[in-house]
Amino acid sequence: ISSRTARNSNSRGERERSGGNTTQEDRNYTPEERARRGTMPSSQIQYSEKYYDDTYEYRHVVLPQDIAKALPKNGRLLSEIEWRAIGVQQSRGWIHYAIHKPEPHIMLFRRPLNYQQQQQAAQRASVAAR
């Protein structure tokens, strides 16, 4: 069996059955490449309840260590495409807005209050304008 065949046989389903761990090979890809390949597990990611202030709703996401290793080492914030690529799953509108340096495996997100209602209203207005 060639090494290419062996790599290809390590399918997403096999990773999920084995507990969702990424392989050493998976860690060599960028988050965008992993998203295209569908190789980032998300079953061990923990999501906080939402909390609020006068302007935003917030939540934090705790990544397991194997996924946290995929985060950029320079401490930059991730775009929606990037955080989805590492397995974070949440509704639209969330922005990765801060990094808690002592615990970089905890991602901090926020979005404007009533974001979903605003989006639904904009969509209804767009349909009505047609």
C-alpha atoms as a PDB file:
ATOM      1  CA  ILE A   1       0.000   0.000   0.000  1.00  0.00           C
ATOM      2  CA  SER A   2       1.439   3.367  -0.971  1.00  0.00           C
ATOM      3  CA  SER A   3       1.797   6.198   1.528  1.00  0.00           C
ATOM      4  CA  ARG A   4      -0.703   8.212  -0.522  1.00  0.00           C
ATOM      5  CA  THR A   5      -3.283   5.433  -0.251  1.00  0.00           C
ATOM      6  CA  ALA A   6      -2.609   5.136   3.469  1.00  0.00           C
ATOM      7  CA  ARG A   7      -3.133   8.874   3.922  1.00  0.00           C
ATOM      8  CA  ASN A   8      -6.353   8.798   1.926  1.00  0.00           C
ATOM      9  CA  SER A   9      -7.682   5.829   3.897  1.00  0.00           C
ATOM     10  CA  ASN A  10      -7.613   7.968   7.056  1.00  0.00           C
ATOM     11  CA  SER A  11     -11.006   9.439   6.224  1.00  0.00           C
ATOM     12  CA  ARG A  12     -13.074  11.869   8.235  1.00  0.00           C
ATOM     13  CA  GLY A  13     -15.317   9.037   9.353  1.00  0.00           C
ATOM     14  CA  GLU A  14     -12.354   7.094  10.703  1.00  0.00           C
ATOM     15  CA  ARG A  15     -11.157  10.166  12.621  1.00  0.00           C
ATOM     16  CA  GLU A  16     -14.637  10.680  14.059  1.00  0.00           C
ATOM     17  CA  ARG A  17     -14.858   7.043  15.116  1.00  0.00           C
ATOM     18  CA  SER A  18     -11.453   7.290  16.775  1.00  0.00           C
ATOM     19  CA  GLY A  19     -12.493  10.239  18.926  1.00  0.00           C
ATOM     20  CA  GLY A  20     -12.061  13.048  16.393  1.00  0.00           C
ATOM     21  CA  ASN A  21      -8.340  13.556  16.868  1.00  0.00           C
ATOM     22  CA  THR A  22      -6.407  15.172  14.079  1.00  0.00           C
ATOM     23  CA  THR A  23      -3.410  13.374  12.676  1.00  0.00           C
ATOM     24  CA  GLN A  24       0.085  14.777  12.414  1.00  0.00           C
ATOM     25  CA  GLU A  25      -0.526  15.141   8.681  1.00  0.00           C
ATOM     26  CA  ASP A  26      -3.652  17.252   9.326  1.00  0.00           C
ATOM     27  CA  ARG A  27      -1.615  19.703  11.401  1.00  0.00           C
ATOM     28  CA  ASN A  28       0.535  20.465   8.355  1.00  0.00           C
ATOM     29  CA  TYR A  29      -2.409  22.125   6.570  1.00  0.00           C
ATOM     30  CA  THR A  30      -3.734  25.655   6.983  1.00  0.00           C
ATOM     31  CA  PRO A  31      -7.231  26.079   8.491  1.00  0.00           C
ATOM     32  CA  GLU A  32      -8.582  26.836   5.004  1.00  0.00           C
ATOM     33  CA  GLU A  33      -7.110  23.602   3.624  1.00  0.00           C
ATOM     34  CA  ARG A  34      -8.516  21.634   6.554  1.00  0.00           C
ATOM     35  CA  ALA A  35     -11.944  23.163   5.902  1.00  0.00           C
ATOM     36  CA  ARG A  36     -11.826  22.017   2.278  1.00  0.00           C
ATOM     37  CA  ARG A  37     -10.681  18.554   3.385  1.00  0.00           C
ATOM     38  CA  GLY A  38     -13.258  18.418   6.197  1.00  0.00           C
ATOM     39  CA  THR A  39     -10.739  17.177   8.758  1.00  0.00           C
ATOM     40  CA  MET A  40     -11.276  19.346  11.825  1.00  0.00           C
ATOM     41  CA  PRO A  41     -13.206  17.600  14.607  1.00  0.00           C
ATOM     42  CA  SER A  42     -15.659  19.652  16.605  1.00  0.00           C
ATOM     43  CA  SER A  43     -17.163  17.229  19.106  1.00  0.00           C
ATOM     44  CA  GLN A  44     -14.902  18.294  21.982  1.00  0.00           C
ATOM     45  CA  ILE A  45     -15.304  22.056  21.529  1.00  0.00           C
ATOM     46  CA  GLN A  46     -17.170  23.660  24.455  1.00  0.00           C
ATOM     47  CA  TYR A  47     -19.467  26.677  24.002  1.00  0.00           C
ATOM     48  CA  SER A  48     -20.460  29.072  26.780  1.00  0.00           C
ATOM     49  CA  GLU A  49     -23.911  30.440  27.302  1.00  0.00           C
ATOM     50  CA  LYS A  50     -24.396  33.923  25.834  1.00  0.00           C
ATOM     51  CA  TYR A  51     -23.840  36.946  28.045  1.00  0.00           C
ATOM     52  CA  TYR A  52     -24.685  40.572  27.294  1.00  0.00           C
ATOM     53  CA  ASP A  53     -23.944  44.251  27.759  1.00  0.00           C
ATOM     54  CA  ASP A  54     -25.780  47.261  26.293  1.00  0.00           C
ATOM     55  CA  THR A  55     -24.267  46.832  22.824  1.00  0.00           C
ATOM     56  CA  TYR A  56     -23.211  43.215  22.250  1.00  0.00           C
ATOM     57  CA  GLU A  57     -23.949  39.636  23.063  1.00  0.00           C
ATOM     58  CA  TYR A  58     -20.878  37.562  23.893  1.00  0.00           C
ATOM     59  CA  ARG A  59     -19.820  33.966  24.192  1.00  0.00           C
ATOM     60  CA  HIS A  60     -16.566  32.156  24.602  1.00  0.00           C
ATOM     61  CA  VAL A  61     -15.486  28.912  23.016  1.00  0.00           C
ATOM     62  CA  VAL A  62     -13.030  26.537  24.666  1.00  0.00           C
ATOM     63  CA  LEU A  63     -10.932  24.520  22.241  1.00  0.00           C
ATOM     64  CA  PRO A  64      -9.364  21.175  23.138  1.00  0.00           C
ATOM     65  CA  GLN A  65      -5.572  21.200  23.034  1.00  0.00           C
ATOM     66  CA  ASP A  66      -5.288  19.281  19.743  1.00  0.00           C
ATOM     67  CA  ILE A  67      -7.397  21.915  17.967  1.00  0.00           C
ATOM     68  CA  ALA A  68      -5.803  24.828  19.843  1.00  0.00           C
ATOM     69  CA  LYS A  69      -2.458  23.807  18.330  1.00  0.00           C
ATOM     70  CA  ALA A  70      -3.861  24.843  14.933  1.00  0.00           C
ATOM     71  CA  LEU A  71      -4.317  28.467  16.061  1.00  0.00           C
ATOM     72  CA  PRO A  72      -1.883  31.028  14.631  1.00  0.00           C
ATOM     73  CA  LYS A  73       1.149  31.440  16.856  1.00  0.00           C
ATOM     74  CA  ASN A  74       1.268  35.220  16.300  1.00  0.00           C
ATOM     75  CA  GLY A  75      -1.941  35.665  18.303  1.00  0.00           C
ATOM     76  CA  ARG A  76      -3.997  37.240  15.523  1.00  0.00           C
ATOM     77  CA  LEU A  77      -7.772  37.109  15.448  1.00  0.00           C
ATOM     78  CA  LEU A  78      -9.423  34.611  13.115  1.00  0.00           C
ATOM     79  CA  SER A  79     -11.865  35.387  10.335  1.00  0.00           C
ATOM     80  CA  GLU A  80     -15.161  33.503  10.214  1.00  0.00           C
ATOM     81  CA  ILE A  81     -13.787  31.198   7.521  1.00  0.00           C
ATOM     82  CA  GLU A  82     -10.789  30.377   9.709  1.00  0.00           C
ATOM     83  CA  TRP A  83     -12.658  29.686  12.941  1.00  0.00           C
ATOM     84  CA  ARG A  84     -15.201  27.566  11.089  1.00  0.00           C
ATOM     85  CA  ALA A  85     -12.303  25.674   9.472  1.00  0.00           C
ATOM     86  CA  ILE A  86     -10.968  24.598  12.868  1.00  0.00           C
ATOM     87  CA  GLY A  87     -14.386  23.241  13.812  1.00  0.00           C
ATOM     88  CA  VAL A  88     -16.132  26.090  15.660  1.00  0.00           C
ATOM     89  CA  GLN A  89     -19.846  25.950  14.833  1.00  0.00           C
ATOM     90  CA  GLN A  90     -22.198  28.796  15.664  1.00  0.00           C
ATOM     91  CA  SER A  91     -24.804  30.927  13.949  1.00  0.00           C
ATOM     92  CA  ARG A  92     -23.908  33.846  11.706  1.00  0.00           C
ATOM     93  CA  GLY A  93     -22.722  37.226  12.876  1.00  0.00           C
ATOM     94  CA  TRP A  94     -20.183  36.188  15.507  1.00  0.00           C
ATOM     95  CA  ILE A  95     -16.823  37.984  15.387  1.00  0.00           C
ATOM     96  CA  HIS A  96     -13.656  36.690  17.036  1.00  0.00           C
ATOM     97  CA  TYR A  97     -12.851  39.948  18.821  1.00  0.00           C
ATOM     98  CA  ALA A  98     -10.223  39.185  21.471  1.00  0.00           C
ATOM     99  CA  ILE A  99      -7.651  36.713  22.691  1.00  0.00           C
ATOM    100  CA  HIS A 100      -7.183  36.065  26.394  1.00  0.00           C
ATOM    101  CA  LYS A 101      -3.380  35.717  26.385  1.00  0.00           C
ATOM    102  CA  PRO A 102      -3.093  33.503  29.489  1.00  0.00           C
ATOM    103  CA  GLU A 103      -5.520  31.040  27.865  1.00  0.00           C
ATOM    104  CA  PRO A 104      -5.188  31.277  24.062  1.00  0.00           C
ATOM    105  CA  HIS A 105      -7.305  28.120  23.632  1.00  0.00           C
ATOM    106  CA  ILE A 106     -10.327  30.171  24.739  1.00  0.00           C
ATOM    107  CA  MET A 107     -11.736  32.170  21.831  1.00  0.00           C
ATOM    108  CA  LEU A 108     -13.821  35.258  22.654  1.00  0.00           C
ATOM    109  CA  PHE A 109     -16.702  36.141  20.328  1.00  0.00           C
ATOM    110  CA  ARG A 110     -19.262  38.928  20.141  1.00  0.00           C
ATOM    111  CA  ARG A 111     -21.985  40.202  17.845  1.00  0.00           C
ATOM    112  CA  PRO A 112     -24.382  43.152  17.984  1.00  0.00           C
ATOM    113  CA  LEU A 113     -27.484  42.702  20.090  1.00  0.00           C
ATOM    114  CA  ASN A 114     -30.500  41.573  18.078  1.00  0.00           C
ATOM    115  CA  TYR A 115     -28.245  40.581  15.149  1.00  0.00           C
ATOM    116  CA  GLN A 116     -30.530  37.782  13.976  1.00  0.00           C
ATOM    117  CA  GLN A 117     -33.652  39.953  14.114  1.00  0.00           C
ATOM    118  CA  GLN A 118     -31.878  42.691  12.140  1.00  0.00           C
ATOM    119  CA  GLN A 119     -30.806  40.178   9.486  1.00  0.00           C
ATOM    120  CA  GLN A 120     -34.321  38.760   9.192  1.00  0.00           C
ATOM    121  CA  ALA A 121     -35.794  42.267   8.834  1.00  0.00           C
ATOM    122  CA  ALA A 122     -33.242  43.143   6.140  1.00  0.00           C
ATOM    123  CA  GLN A 123     -34.049  39.934   4.279  1.00  0.00           C
ATOM    124  CA  ARG A 124     -37.812  40.628   4.422  1.00  0.00           C
ATOM    125  CA  ALA A 125     -37.217  44.171   3.149  1.00  0.00           C
ATOM    126  CA  SER A 126     -35.110  42.829   0.286  1.00  0.00           C
ATOM    127  CA  VAL A 127     -37.821  40.342  -0.710  1.00  0.00           C
ATOM    128  CA  ALA A 128     -40.520  43.027  -0.475  1.00  0.00           C
ATOM    129  CA  ALA A 129     -38.500  45.387  -2.715  1.00  0.00           C
ATOM    130  CA  ARG A 130     -38.489  42.853  -5.567  1.00  0.00           C
END
